[in-house]
Amino acid sequence: MIISAALAGEELDHETEAHPELEVRQLNFSAVQHGMRLDRALVELVPEFSRSYLQQLVELGSVTINGKMTHKASQKVKASDLGSIELRPTPQSQAFKAEDMALDLIYEDEHLLVINKPAGLVVHPAPGNWSGTLMNGLLGFDAQAFNLPRAGIVHRLDKDTSGLMVVARSRTVMDALVRAIAARDVKRQYLALAHGAWCGEVNREVAAPIGRDPGNRLRMAVVDLAVHAGKTAQTDIQLLANGIHGCLVQCTLHTGRTHQIRVHMASVAHPLVADVTYGGGLAAGMQRQALHAFRLAFRHPVTKEALAFQCHLPPDFSQALVDWGLQYNTCKL
């Protein structure tokens, strides 16, 4: 197995036993590397991989010098030395594998899928979640997904956000959906349960740029574009039900910034229930941010048919509304 350079910077799985999929590469140290630290010499001989990755391989015993295994990245090498290195798969390189997963398919044809993603399901593999993601499930559902970037995923939902997503099944359809999203021709609406009784107009437009929080790089925030990097963002908010503890609102996205609804709701003093990242406390039995992508509408890239999909609230969200005594008319949504 040859590991691409793009994956070389990822942390290795520190297993002691040999992995069945390895690439063994011979090392011929020359006068250029004479007297160098082993890790620095390896960077020159295996330049497509990062130094930190190569150091990990040394620590794992994947490098031999003159027939002897070494674990010291600081060891000096000589021009006459001969060696070998076992290039082991990184967690990320193993992430692109098919997994059996029960997908809640709302719509399916030869060109695309519409999926109701449950809360807790990560969309893309990432550090801490190299398996068990929606992408793994899509690869298991359709082998053709291996031919597409990100298995055809054209937009994402946060791990703890539930609801509708569209997934392409061909590169032509994927490109068309990406263009449609960029042109704001894909309509996405969410239901959100937020802290605090709603005051003022039933309908509110929040147009506030979003960028990295200058005080916490792990969060997003409303920013002043004259001072901080960010992008324009717009969310339309409509009150659906109001109570003493909080409110149920419908949010319509006009842009698709990271954590957009969560940031905009917090910016108007109505953080989402259980969204601890943006100031929302645990309440009404919710253990994850109370956000559900309940409606998705777009024109089919191939048939040109106008498609619109809607899915019910998941049980935890529905029960939270009951606990807070909030009711709304689904027929009007």
C-alpha atoms as a PDB file:
ATOM      1  CA  MET A   1       0.000   0.000   0.000  1.00  0.00           C
ATOM      2  CA  ILE A   2       1.436   3.361  -1.019  1.00  0.00           C
ATOM      3  CA  ILE A   3       0.348   6.201   1.232  1.00  0.00           C
ATOM      4  CA  SER A   4      -0.193   9.509  -0.518  1.00  0.00           C
ATOM      5  CA  ALA A   5       1.766  12.567   0.531  1.00  0.00           C
ATOM      6  CA  ALA A   6      -1.455  14.301   1.501  1.00  0.00           C
ATOM      7  CA  LEU A   7      -1.918  11.777   4.290  1.00  0.00           C
ATOM      8  CA  ALA A   8       1.618  11.788   5.566  1.00  0.00           C
ATOM      9  CA  GLY A   9       1.120  14.365   8.280  1.00  0.00           C
ATOM     10  CA  GLU A  10      -1.488  12.348  10.134  1.00  0.00           C
ATOM     11  CA  GLU A  11      -0.825  10.635  13.449  1.00  0.00           C
ATOM     12  CA  LEU A  12      -0.124   6.922  13.281  1.00  0.00           C
ATOM     13  CA  ASP A  13      -1.964   4.169  15.062  1.00  0.00           C
ATOM     14  CA  HIS A  14       0.603   3.017  17.636  1.00  0.00           C
ATOM     15  CA  GLU A  15       0.200  -0.737  17.324  1.00  0.00           C
ATOM     16  CA  THR A  16       3.123  -2.995  18.047  1.00  0.00           C
ATOM     17  CA  GLU A  17       2.237  -5.792  15.650  1.00  0.00           C
ATOM     18  CA  ALA A  18       2.966  -5.514  11.949  1.00  0.00           C
ATOM     19  CA  HIS A  19       0.183  -4.221   9.761  1.00  0.00           C
ATOM     20  CA  PRO A  20      -0.734  -6.464   6.826  1.00  0.00           C
ATOM     21  CA  GLU A  21      -0.662  -3.553   4.378  1.00  0.00           C
ATOM     22  CA  LEU A  22       2.800  -2.043   4.120  1.00  0.00           C
ATOM     23  CA  GLU A  23       5.125  -0.500   1.612  1.00  0.00           C
ATOM     24  CA  VAL A  24       8.769  -1.349   2.318  1.00  0.00           C
ATOM     25  CA  ARG A  25      11.235   1.123   0.839  1.00  0.00           C
ATOM     26  CA  GLN A  26      15.010   0.645   0.691  1.00  0.00           C
ATOM     27  CA  LEU A  27      17.268   3.370   2.096  1.00  0.00           C
ATOM     28  CA  ASN A  28      20.684   4.110   0.592  1.00  0.00           C
ATOM     29  CA  PHE A  29      22.419   6.806   2.626  1.00  0.00           C
ATOM     30  CA  SER A  30      24.974   8.834   0.655  1.00  0.00           C
ATOM     31  CA  ALA A  31      27.664  11.367   1.461  1.00  0.00           C
ATOM     32  CA  VAL A  32      24.948  14.039   1.451  1.00  0.00           C
ATOM     33  CA  GLN A  33      23.323  12.469   4.515  1.00  0.00           C
ATOM     34  CA  HIS A  34      26.564  11.546   6.283  1.00  0.00           C
ATOM     35  CA  GLY A  35      26.466  12.745   9.899  1.00  0.00           C
ATOM     36  CA  MET A  36      22.794  13.725   9.770  1.00  0.00           C
ATOM     37  CA  ARG A  37      20.194  12.764  12.336  1.00  0.00           C
ATOM     38  CA  LEU A  38      18.218   9.801  11.092  1.00  0.00           C
ATOM     39  CA  ASP A  39      14.918  11.691  10.962  1.00  0.00           C
ATOM     40  CA  ARG A  40      16.445  14.516   8.913  1.00  0.00           C
ATOM     41  CA  ALA A  41      18.056  12.021   6.543  1.00  0.00           C
ATOM     42  CA  LEU A  42      14.741  10.244   6.102  1.00  0.00           C
ATOM     43  CA  VAL A  43      13.097  13.506   5.079  1.00  0.00           C
ATOM     44  CA  GLU A  44      15.603  13.743   2.225  1.00  0.00           C
ATOM     45  CA  LEU A  45      15.221  10.112   1.167  1.00  0.00           C
ATOM     46  CA  VAL A  46      11.435   9.956   1.558  1.00  0.00           C
ATOM     47  CA  PRO A  47      10.548  13.585   0.805  1.00  0.00           C
ATOM     48  CA  GLU A  48       6.815  13.075   0.252  1.00  0.00           C
ATOM     49  CA  PHE A  49       6.294  12.398   3.965  1.00  0.00           C
ATOM     50  CA  SER A  50       6.491  14.769   6.909  1.00  0.00           C
ATOM     51  CA  ARG A  51       9.281  14.632   9.459  1.00  0.00           C
ATOM     52  CA  SER A  52       6.827  14.027  12.309  1.00  0.00           C
ATOM     53  CA  TYR A  53       5.332  11.071  10.455  1.00  0.00           C
ATOM     54  CA  LEU A  54       8.794   9.599   9.841  1.00  0.00           C
ATOM     55  CA  GLN A  55       9.752  10.126  13.476  1.00  0.00           C
ATOM     56  CA  GLN A  56       6.700   8.119  14.507  1.00  0.00           C
ATOM     57  CA  LEU A  57       7.750   5.312  12.195  1.00  0.00           C
ATOM     58  CA  VAL A  58      11.184   5.258  13.815  1.00  0.00           C
ATOM     59  CA  GLU A  59       9.587   5.061  17.269  1.00  0.00           C
ATOM     60  CA  LEU A  60       7.399   2.179  16.083  1.00  0.00           C
ATOM     61  CA  GLY A  61      10.436   0.199  14.947  1.00  0.00           C
ATOM     62  CA  SER A  62       9.657   0.537  11.258  1.00  0.00           C
ATOM     63  CA  VAL A  63      13.225   1.565  10.331  1.00  0.00           C
ATOM     64  CA  THR A  64      16.271  -0.654  10.154  1.00  0.00           C
ATOM     65  CA  ILE A  65      19.880   0.442   9.676  1.00  0.00           C
ATOM     66  CA  ASN A  66      22.359  -2.177   8.495  1.00  0.00           C
ATOM     67  CA  GLY A  67      19.928  -4.926   9.409  1.00  0.00           C
ATOM     68  CA  LYS A  68      19.213  -3.676  12.947  1.00  0.00           C
ATOM     69  CA  MET A  69      15.997  -2.054  14.082  1.00  0.00           C
ATOM     70  CA  THR A  70      16.377   1.416  15.524  1.00  0.00           C
ATOM     71  CA  HIS A  71      14.042   3.491  17.684  1.00  0.00           C
ATOM     72  CA  LYS A  72      16.212   6.639  17.882  1.00  0.00           C
ATOM     73  CA  ALA A  73      15.326   9.446  15.490  1.00  0.00           C
ATOM     74  CA  SER A  74      18.429  11.286  16.722  1.00  0.00           C
ATOM     75  CA  GLN A  75      20.797   8.516  15.651  1.00  0.00           C
ATOM     76  CA  LYS A  76      23.497   9.721  13.248  1.00  0.00           C
ATOM     77  CA  VAL A  77      23.769   7.973   9.889  1.00  0.00           C
ATOM     78  CA  LYS A  78      26.837   7.308   7.745  1.00  0.00           C
ATOM     79  CA  ALA A  79      27.348   7.399   4.010  1.00  0.00           C
ATOM     80  CA  SER A  80      27.923   3.636   3.927  1.00  0.00           C
ATOM     81  CA  ASP A  81      24.736   2.762   5.834  1.00  0.00           C
ATOM     82  CA  LEU A  82      21.976   0.731   4.214  1.00  0.00           C
ATOM     83  CA  GLY A  83      18.478   0.482   5.602  1.00  0.00           C
ATOM     84  CA  SER A  84      14.780   0.058   5.010  1.00  0.00           C
ATOM     85  CA  ILE A  85      11.568   1.705   6.154  1.00  0.00           C
ATOM     86  CA  GLU A  86       8.059   0.301   6.434  1.00  0.00           C
ATOM     87  CA  LEU A  87       5.508   2.924   5.438  1.00  0.00           C
ATOM     88  CA  ARG A  88       2.435   2.079   7.479  1.00  0.00           C
ATOM     89  CA  PRO A  89      -1.085   3.301   6.788  1.00  0.00           C
ATOM     90  CA  THR A  90      -2.178   6.369   8.726  1.00  0.00           C
ATOM     91  CA  PRO A  91      -5.623   6.521  10.346  1.00  0.00           C
ATOM     92  CA  GLN A  92      -6.725   8.914   7.609  1.00  0.00           C
ATOM     93  CA  SER A  93      -5.518   6.620   4.840  1.00  0.00           C
ATOM     94  CA  GLN A  94      -7.664   3.862   6.357  1.00  0.00           C
ATOM     95  CA  ALA A  95     -10.684   6.135   6.746  1.00  0.00           C
ATOM     96  CA  PHE A  96     -11.763   5.764   3.123  1.00  0.00           C
ATOM     97  CA  LYS A  97     -13.270   2.331   3.577  1.00  0.00           C
ATOM     98  CA  ALA A  98     -16.774   0.979   3.167  1.00  0.00           C
ATOM     99  CA  GLU A  99     -18.820   0.226   6.274  1.00  0.00           C
ATOM    100  CA  ASP A 100     -22.264  -1.307   6.668  1.00  0.00           C
ATOM    101  CA  MET A 101     -24.580   1.395   7.965  1.00  0.00           C
ATOM    102  CA  ALA A 102     -28.349   1.789   8.118  1.00  0.00           C
ATOM    103  CA  LEU A 103     -29.005   4.944   6.107  1.00  0.00           C
ATOM    104  CA  ASP A 104     -32.374   6.686   6.454  1.00  0.00           C
ATOM    105  CA  LEU A 105     -33.036   7.319   2.766  1.00  0.00           C
ATOM    106  CA  ILE A 106     -35.737   9.893   2.062  1.00  0.00           C
ATOM    107  CA  TYR A 107     -35.181   9.804  -1.701  1.00  0.00           C
ATOM    108  CA  GLU A 108     -33.055   7.767  -4.057  1.00  0.00           C
ATOM    109  CA  ASP A 109     -32.473   7.664  -7.803  1.00  0.00           C
ATOM    110  CA  GLU A 110     -29.487   6.872 -10.015  1.00  0.00           C
ATOM    111  CA  HIS A 111     -28.208  10.451  -9.704  1.00  0.00           C
ATOM    112  CA  LEU A 112     -28.539  11.426  -6.050  1.00  0.00           C
ATOM    113  CA  LEU A 113     -29.677  10.544  -2.541  1.00  0.00           C
ATOM    114  CA  VAL A 114     -31.472  12.546   0.130  1.00  0.00           C
ATOM    115  CA  ILE A 115     -30.611  11.287   3.609  1.00  0.00           C
ATOM    116  CA  ASN A 116     -32.036  12.028   7.039  1.00  0.00           C
ATOM    117  CA  LYS A 117     -28.875  12.158   9.169  1.00  0.00           C
ATOM    118  CA  PRO A 118     -29.311  11.289  12.837  1.00  0.00           C
ATOM    119  CA  ALA A 119     -27.741  13.361  15.575  1.00  0.00           C
ATOM    120  CA  GLY A 120     -24.371  11.980  16.646  1.00  0.00           C
ATOM    121  CA  LEU A 121     -23.299  10.853  13.179  1.00  0.00           C
ATOM    122  CA  VAL A 122     -20.123  12.549  11.921  1.00  0.00           C
ATOM    123  CA  VAL A 123     -20.285  13.434   8.215  1.00  0.00           C
ATOM    124  CA  HIS A 124     -16.585  13.353   7.214  1.00  0.00           C
ATOM    125  CA  PRO A 125     -13.690  11.393   8.757  1.00  0.00           C
ATOM    126  CA  ALA A 126     -11.507  13.617  10.934  1.00  0.00           C
ATOM    127  CA  PRO A 127      -9.168  13.287  13.925  1.00  0.00           C
ATOM    128  CA  GLY A 128     -11.027  11.325  16.580  1.00  0.00           C
ATOM    129  CA  ASN A 129     -13.546  10.014  14.038  1.00  0.00           C
ATOM    130  CA  TRP A 130     -11.674   8.045  11.383  1.00  0.00           C
ATOM    131  CA  SER A 131     -14.478   5.503  11.028  1.00  0.00           C
ATOM    132  CA  GLY A 132     -18.212   5.185  11.532  1.00  0.00           C
ATOM    133  CA  THR A 133     -18.926   8.359   9.559  1.00  0.00           C
ATOM    134  CA  LEU A 134     -21.607   9.070   6.977  1.00  0.00           C
ATOM    135  CA  MET A 135     -18.913   8.927   4.315  1.00  0.00           C
ATOM    136  CA  ASN A 136     -18.028   5.374   5.371  1.00  0.00           C
ATOM    137  CA  GLY A 137     -21.696   4.452   5.192  1.00  0.00           C
ATOM    138  CA  LEU A 138     -22.039   5.916   1.697  1.00  0.00           C
ATOM    139  CA  LEU A 139     -19.014   3.941   0.522  1.00  0.00           C
ATOM    140  CA  GLY A 140     -20.678   0.802   1.871  1.00  0.00           C
ATOM    141  CA  PHE A 141     -23.994   1.664   0.243  1.00  0.00           C
ATOM    142  CA  ASP A 142     -22.629   2.261  -3.247  1.00  0.00           C
ATOM    143  CA  ALA A 143     -19.162   1.238  -4.470  1.00  0.00           C
ATOM    144  CA  GLN A 144     -19.360   3.975  -7.123  1.00  0.00           C
ATOM    145  CA  ALA A 145     -18.964   6.490  -4.289  1.00  0.00           C
ATOM    146  CA  PHE A 146     -15.251   5.624  -4.227  1.00  0.00           C
ATOM    147  CA  ASN A 147     -14.961   7.505  -7.534  1.00  0.00           C
ATOM    148  CA  LEU A 148     -16.246  10.746  -6.031  1.00  0.00           C
ATOM    149  CA  PRO A 149     -14.597  13.296  -3.731  1.00  0.00           C
ATOM    150  CA  ARG A 150     -15.953  12.819  -0.211  1.00  0.00           C
ATOM    151  CA  ALA A 151     -18.187  10.002  -1.543  1.00  0.00           C
ATOM    152  CA  GLY A 152     -20.480  12.584  -3.162  1.00  0.00           C
ATOM    153  CA  ILE A 153     -21.139  14.692  -0.057  1.00  0.00           C
ATOM    154  CA  VAL A 154     -21.732  18.294  -1.195  1.00  0.00           C
ATOM    155  CA  HIS A 155     -22.645  19.940   2.117  1.00  0.00           C
ATOM    156  CA  ARG A 156     -22.457  18.978   5.737  1.00  0.00           C
ATOM    157  CA  LEU A 157     -24.276  19.057   9.037  1.00  0.00           C
ATOM    158  CA  ASP A 158     -22.532  19.253  12.388  1.00  0.00           C
ATOM    159  CA  LYS A 159     -22.199  15.954  14.241  1.00  0.00           C
ATOM    160  CA  ASP A 160     -25.013  16.766  16.659  1.00  0.00           C
ATOM    161  CA  THR A 161     -27.326  18.405  14.119  1.00  0.00           C
ATOM    162  CA  SER A 162     -29.944  16.088  12.670  1.00  0.00           C
ATOM    163  CA  GLY A 163     -31.798  16.273   9.383  1.00  0.00           C
ATOM    164  CA  LEU A 164     -31.720  16.320   5.603  1.00  0.00           C
ATOM    165  CA  MET A 165     -28.676  16.170   3.348  1.00  0.00           C
ATOM    166  CA  VAL A 166     -28.362  15.680  -0.412  1.00  0.00           C
ATOM    167  CA  VAL A 167     -25.576  13.438  -1.737  1.00  0.00           C
ATOM    168  CA  ALA A 168     -24.462  13.115  -5.363  1.00  0.00           C
ATOM    169  CA  ARG A 169     -23.911   9.761  -7.086  1.00  0.00           C
ATOM    170  CA  SER A 170     -21.881  11.021 -10.060  1.00  0.00           C
ATOM    171  CA  ARG A 171     -19.254  13.697 -10.600  1.00  0.00           C
ATOM    172  CA  THR A 172     -21.499  15.613 -13.014  1.00  0.00           C
ATOM    173  CA  VAL A 173     -24.319  15.785 -10.486  1.00  0.00           C
ATOM    174  CA  MET A 174     -21.891  16.608  -7.681  1.00  0.00           C
ATOM    175  CA  ASP A 175     -20.485  19.571  -9.586  1.00  0.00           C
ATOM    176  CA  ALA A 176     -23.999  20.759 -10.442  1.00  0.00           C
ATOM    177  CA  LEU A 177     -25.141  20.581  -6.811  1.00  0.00           C
ATOM    178  CA  VAL A 178     -22.042  22.428  -5.617  1.00  0.00           C
ATOM    179  CA  ARG A 179     -22.805  25.192  -8.120  1.00  0.00           C
ATOM    180  CA  ALA A 180     -26.435  25.285  -7.033  1.00  0.00           C
ATOM    181  CA  ILE A 181     -25.465  25.642  -3.384  1.00  0.00           C
ATOM    182  CA  ALA A 182     -23.011  28.423  -4.238  1.00  0.00           C
ATOM    183  CA  ALA A 183     -25.743  30.183  -6.232  1.00  0.00           C
ATOM    184  CA  ARG A 184     -28.116  29.765  -3.253  1.00  0.00           C
ATOM    185  CA  ASP A 185     -30.504  27.692  -5.340  1.00  0.00           C
ATOM    186  CA  VAL A 186     -30.629  24.943  -2.717  1.00  0.00           C
ATOM    187  CA  LYS A 187     -33.098  25.954  -0.004  1.00  0.00           C
ATOM    188  CA  ARG A 188     -32.373  24.716   3.510  1.00  0.00           C
ATOM    189  CA  GLN A 189     -34.597  25.309   6.514  1.00  0.00           C
ATOM    190  CA  TYR A 190     -34.034  24.279  10.111  1.00  0.00           C
ATOM    191  CA  LEU A 191     -36.020  24.030  13.324  1.00  0.00           C
ATOM    192  CA  ALA A 192     -34.188  25.270  16.410  1.00  0.00           C
ATOM    193  CA  LEU A 193     -35.109  25.280  20.085  1.00  0.00           C
ATOM    194  CA  ALA A 194     -33.521  28.237  21.839  1.00  0.00           C
ATOM    195  CA  HIS A 195     -33.225  29.650  25.312  1.00  0.00           C
ATOM    196  CA  GLY A 196     -35.230  32.723  26.304  1.00  0.00           C
ATOM    197  CA  ALA A 197     -38.729  33.887  25.495  1.00  0.00           C
ATOM    198  CA  TRP A 198     -38.836  35.589  22.090  1.00  0.00           C
ATOM    199  CA  CYS A 199     -39.513  39.329  22.086  1.00  0.00           C
ATOM    200  CA  GLY A 200     -40.253  41.671  19.193  1.00  0.00           C
ATOM    201  CA  GLU A 201     -41.186  40.897  15.612  1.00  0.00           C
ATOM    202  CA  VAL A 202     -42.125  37.347  14.662  1.00  0.00           C
ATOM    203  CA  ASN A 203     -39.803  37.491  11.658  1.00  0.00           C
ATOM    204  CA  ARG A 204     -36.215  38.653  11.953  1.00  0.00           C
ATOM    205  CA  GLU A 205     -33.345  38.824   9.497  1.00  0.00           C
ATOM    206  CA  VAL A 206     -29.841  38.420  10.879  1.00  0.00           C
ATOM    207  CA  ALA A 207     -27.175  39.607   8.454  1.00  0.00           C
ATOM    208  CA  ALA A 208     -23.884  39.413  10.346  1.00  0.00           C
ATOM    209  CA  PRO A 209     -20.456  38.283   9.084  1.00  0.00           C
ATOM    210  CA  ILE A 210     -19.005  35.131  10.613  1.00  0.00           C
ATOM    211  CA  GLY A 211     -15.355  34.245  11.162  1.00  0.00           C
ATOM    212  CA  ARG A 212     -13.092  32.565  13.680  1.00  0.00           C
ATOM    213  CA  ASP A 213     -13.638  33.831  17.206  1.00  0.00           C
ATOM    214  CA  PRO A 214     -10.577  36.021  17.922  1.00  0.00           C
ATOM    215  CA  GLY A 215     -10.694  34.899  21.547  1.00  0.00           C
ATOM    216  CA  ASN A 216     -11.193  31.192  20.921  1.00  0.00           C
ATOM    217  CA  ARG A 217     -10.009  29.698  17.637  1.00  0.00           C
ATOM    218  CA  LEU A 218     -12.132  26.586  18.223  1.00  0.00           C
ATOM    219  CA  ARG A 219     -15.337  28.621  17.846  1.00  0.00           C
ATOM    220  CA  MET A 220     -16.906  30.838  15.241  1.00  0.00           C
ATOM    221  CA  ALA A 221     -18.292  34.296  15.996  1.00  0.00           C
ATOM    222  CA  VAL A 222     -19.921  37.357  14.503  1.00  0.00           C
ATOM    223  CA  VAL A 223     -16.975  39.530  13.469  1.00  0.00           C
ATOM    224  CA  ASP A 224     -16.219  42.981  12.120  1.00  0.00           C
ATOM    225  CA  LEU A 225     -14.808  42.390   8.644  1.00  0.00           C
ATOM    226  CA  ALA A 226     -12.800  45.612   8.911  1.00  0.00           C
ATOM    227  CA  VAL A 227     -10.843  44.058  11.762  1.00  0.00           C
ATOM    228  CA  HIS A 228     -11.086  40.275  11.451  1.00  0.00           C
ATOM    229  CA  ALA A 229     -11.246  37.758   8.624  1.00  0.00           C
ATOM    230  CA  GLY A 230     -14.686  36.369   7.912  1.00  0.00           C
ATOM    231  CA  LYS A 231     -17.500  36.040   5.401  1.00  0.00           C
ATOM    232  CA  THR A 232     -20.919  37.621   5.059  1.00  0.00           C
ATOM    233  CA  ALA A 233     -23.760  35.501   6.414  1.00  0.00           C
ATOM    234  CA  GLN A 234     -27.534  35.797   6.445  1.00  0.00           C
ATOM    235  CA  THR A 235     -30.156  33.834   8.364  1.00  0.00           C
ATOM    236  CA  ASP A 236     -33.899  34.514   8.371  1.00  0.00           C
ATOM    237  CA  ILE A 237     -35.543  33.599  11.684  1.00  0.00           C
ATOM    238  CA  GLN A 238     -39.274  33.038  12.167  1.00  0.00           C
ATOM    239  CA  LEU A 239     -40.904  32.454  15.543  1.00  0.00           C
ATOM    240  CA  LEU A 240     -43.090  29.325  15.580  1.00  0.00           C
ATOM    241  CA  ALA A 241     -43.838  28.883  19.289  1.00  0.00           C
ATOM    242  CA  ASN A 242     -43.003  30.848  22.407  1.00  0.00           C
ATOM    243  CA  GLY A 243     -42.856  29.927  26.069  1.00  0.00           C
ATOM    244  CA  ILE A 244     -41.465  31.020  29.408  1.00  0.00           C
ATOM    245  CA  HIS A 245     -38.336  28.867  29.055  1.00  0.00           C
ATOM    246  CA  GLY A 246     -37.576  29.459  25.412  1.00  0.00           C
ATOM    247  CA  CYS A 247     -38.773  29.473  21.858  1.00  0.00           C
ATOM    248  CA  LEU A 248     -39.049  27.317  18.764  1.00  0.00           C
ATOM    249  CA  VAL A 249     -37.910  29.054  15.607  1.00  0.00           C
ATOM    250  CA  GLN A 250     -37.544  28.254  11.934  1.00  0.00           C
ATOM    251  CA  CYS A 251     -34.232  29.311  10.411  1.00  0.00           C
ATOM    252  CA  THR A 252     -33.711  29.730   6.678  1.00  0.00           C
ATOM    253  CA  LEU A 253     -30.143  29.851   5.428  1.00  0.00           C
ATOM    254  CA  HIS A 254     -29.135  32.229   2.658  1.00  0.00           C
ATOM    255  CA  THR A 255     -25.458  31.383   3.138  1.00  0.00           C
ATOM    256  CA  GLY A 256     -23.750  28.295   4.497  1.00  0.00           C
ATOM    257  CA  ARG A 257     -21.108  29.389   6.970  1.00  0.00           C
ATOM    258  CA  THR A 258     -19.701  27.083   9.633  1.00  0.00           C
ATOM    259  CA  HIS A 259     -22.057  26.975  12.644  1.00  0.00           C
ATOM    260  CA  GLN A 260     -24.072  29.801  11.055  1.00  0.00           C
ATOM    261  CA  ILE A 261     -27.403  29.249  12.813  1.00  0.00           C
ATOM    262  CA  ARG A 262     -25.750  28.506  16.126  1.00  0.00           C
ATOM    263  CA  VAL A 263     -23.667  31.703  15.942  1.00  0.00           C
ATOM    264  CA  HIS A 264     -26.498  33.933  14.726  1.00  0.00           C
ATOM    265  CA  MET A 265     -28.943  32.677  17.348  1.00  0.00           C
ATOM    266  CA  ALA A 266     -26.398  33.260  20.092  1.00  0.00           C
ATOM    267  CA  SER A 267     -25.740  36.745  18.696  1.00  0.00           C
ATOM    268  CA  VAL A 268     -29.397  37.708  19.233  1.00  0.00           C
ATOM    269  CA  ALA A 269     -29.338  36.375  22.820  1.00  0.00           C
ATOM    270  CA  HIS A 270     -31.112  33.113  22.015  1.00  0.00           C
ATOM    271  CA  PRO A 271     -28.436  30.407  22.109  1.00  0.00           C
ATOM    272  CA  LEU A 272     -29.653  26.955  21.133  1.00  0.00           C
ATOM    273  CA  VAL A 273     -30.614  24.561  23.886  1.00  0.00           C
ATOM    274  CA  ALA A 274     -27.684  22.282  24.827  1.00  0.00           C
ATOM    275  CA  ASP A 275     -25.283  24.143  22.522  1.00  0.00           C
ATOM    276  CA  VAL A 276     -22.622  24.586  25.194  1.00  0.00           C
ATOM    277  CA  THR A 277     -20.081  25.872  22.658  1.00  0.00           C
ATOM    278  CA  TYR A 278     -22.167  28.995  22.099  1.00  0.00           C
ATOM    279  CA  GLY A 279     -23.653  29.520  25.531  1.00  0.00           C
ATOM    280  CA  GLY A 280     -26.644  27.207  25.462  1.00  0.00           C
ATOM    281  CA  GLY A 281     -27.162  25.190  28.623  1.00  0.00           C
ATOM    282  CA  LEU A 282     -28.551  21.668  28.917  1.00  0.00           C
ATOM    283  CA  ALA A 283     -32.321  21.806  29.232  1.00  0.00           C
ATOM    284  CA  ALA A 284     -35.579  20.069  28.306  1.00  0.00           C
ATOM    285  CA  GLY A 285     -33.760  16.733  28.279  1.00  0.00           C
ATOM    286  CA  MET A 286     -31.618  17.673  25.276  1.00  0.00           C
ATOM    287  CA  GLN A 287     -28.063  16.335  25.328  1.00  0.00           C
ATOM    288  CA  ARG A 288     -27.062  17.862  21.967  1.00  0.00           C
ATOM    289  CA  GLN A 289     -27.696  21.175  20.240  1.00  0.00           C
ATOM    290  CA  ALA A 290     -31.408  21.480  19.429  1.00  0.00           C
ATOM    291  CA  LEU A 291     -31.072  21.951  15.676  1.00  0.00           C
ATOM    292  CA  HIS A 292     -32.784  19.918  12.958  1.00  0.00           C
ATOM    293  CA  ALA A 293     -32.578  20.408   9.184  1.00  0.00           C
ATOM    294  CA  PHE A 294     -36.217  19.619   8.451  1.00  0.00           C
ATOM    295  CA  ARG A 295     -36.689  20.924   4.907  1.00  0.00           C
ATOM    296  CA  LEU A 296     -34.566  20.733   1.754  1.00  0.00           C
ATOM    297  CA  ALA A 297     -35.570  21.933  -1.721  1.00  0.00           C
ATOM    298  CA  PHE A 298     -33.706  22.133  -5.025  1.00  0.00           C
ATOM    299  CA  ARG A 299     -34.062  21.479  -8.738  1.00  0.00           C
ATOM    300  CA  HIS A 300     -32.883  18.054  -9.846  1.00  0.00           C
ATOM    301  CA  PRO A 301     -29.598  18.559 -11.738  1.00  0.00           C
ATOM    302  CA  VAL A 302     -30.542  16.007 -14.413  1.00  0.00           C
ATOM    303  CA  THR A 303     -34.342  15.860 -14.718  1.00  0.00           C
ATOM    304  CA  LYS A 304     -34.791  19.545 -13.777  1.00  0.00           C
ATOM    305  CA  GLU A 305     -37.738  18.549 -11.602  1.00  0.00           C
ATOM    306  CA  ALA A 306     -38.384  20.761  -8.583  1.00  0.00           C
ATOM    307  CA  LEU A 307     -37.832  18.584  -5.521  1.00  0.00           C
ATOM    308  CA  ALA A 308     -38.822  19.369  -1.937  1.00  0.00           C
ATOM    309  CA  PHE A 309     -38.358  17.135   1.094  1.00  0.00           C
ATOM    310  CA  GLN A 310     -39.388  17.398   4.722  1.00  0.00           C
ATOM    311  CA  CYS A 311     -38.712  15.128   7.697  1.00  0.00           C
ATOM    312  CA  HIS A 312     -40.190  14.893  11.165  1.00  0.00           C
ATOM    313  CA  LEU A 313     -38.436  15.959  14.329  1.00  0.00           C
ATOM    314  CA  PRO A 314     -36.367  13.247  16.035  1.00  0.00           C
ATOM    315  CA  PRO A 315     -37.713  11.926  19.357  1.00  0.00           C
ATOM    316  CA  ASP A 316     -35.382  13.917  21.626  1.00  0.00           C
ATOM    317  CA  PHE A 317     -36.373  17.191  19.967  1.00  0.00           C
ATOM    318  CA  SER A 318     -40.086  16.360  20.025  1.00  0.00           C
ATOM    319  CA  GLN A 319     -39.915  15.455  23.706  1.00  0.00           C
ATOM    320  CA  ALA A 320     -38.105  18.712  24.472  1.00  0.00           C
ATOM    321  CA  LEU A 321     -41.021  20.654  22.984  1.00  0.00           C
ATOM    322  CA  VAL A 322     -43.424  18.680  25.162  1.00  0.00           C
ATOM    323  CA  ASP A 323     -41.326  19.371  28.256  1.00  0.00           C
ATOM    324  CA  TRP A 324     -41.416  23.105  27.547  1.00  0.00           C
ATOM    325  CA  GLY A 325     -45.078  23.125  26.555  1.00  0.00           C
ATOM    326  CA  LEU A 326     -44.394  24.350  23.031  1.00  0.00           C
ATOM    327  CA  GLN A 327     -46.701  23.464  20.166  1.00  0.00           C
ATOM    328  CA  TYR A 328     -46.646  24.356  16.485  1.00  0.00           C
ATOM    329  CA  ASN A 329     -48.670  23.571  13.412  1.00  0.00           C
ATOM    330  CA  THR A 330     -46.697  21.320  11.105  1.00  0.00           C
ATOM    331  CA  CYS A 331     -49.164  22.030   8.293  1.00  0.00           C
ATOM    332  CA  LYS A 332     -47.961  25.613   8.105  1.00  0.00           C
ATOM    333  CA  LEU A 333     -44.315  24.743   7.781  1.00  0.00           C
END
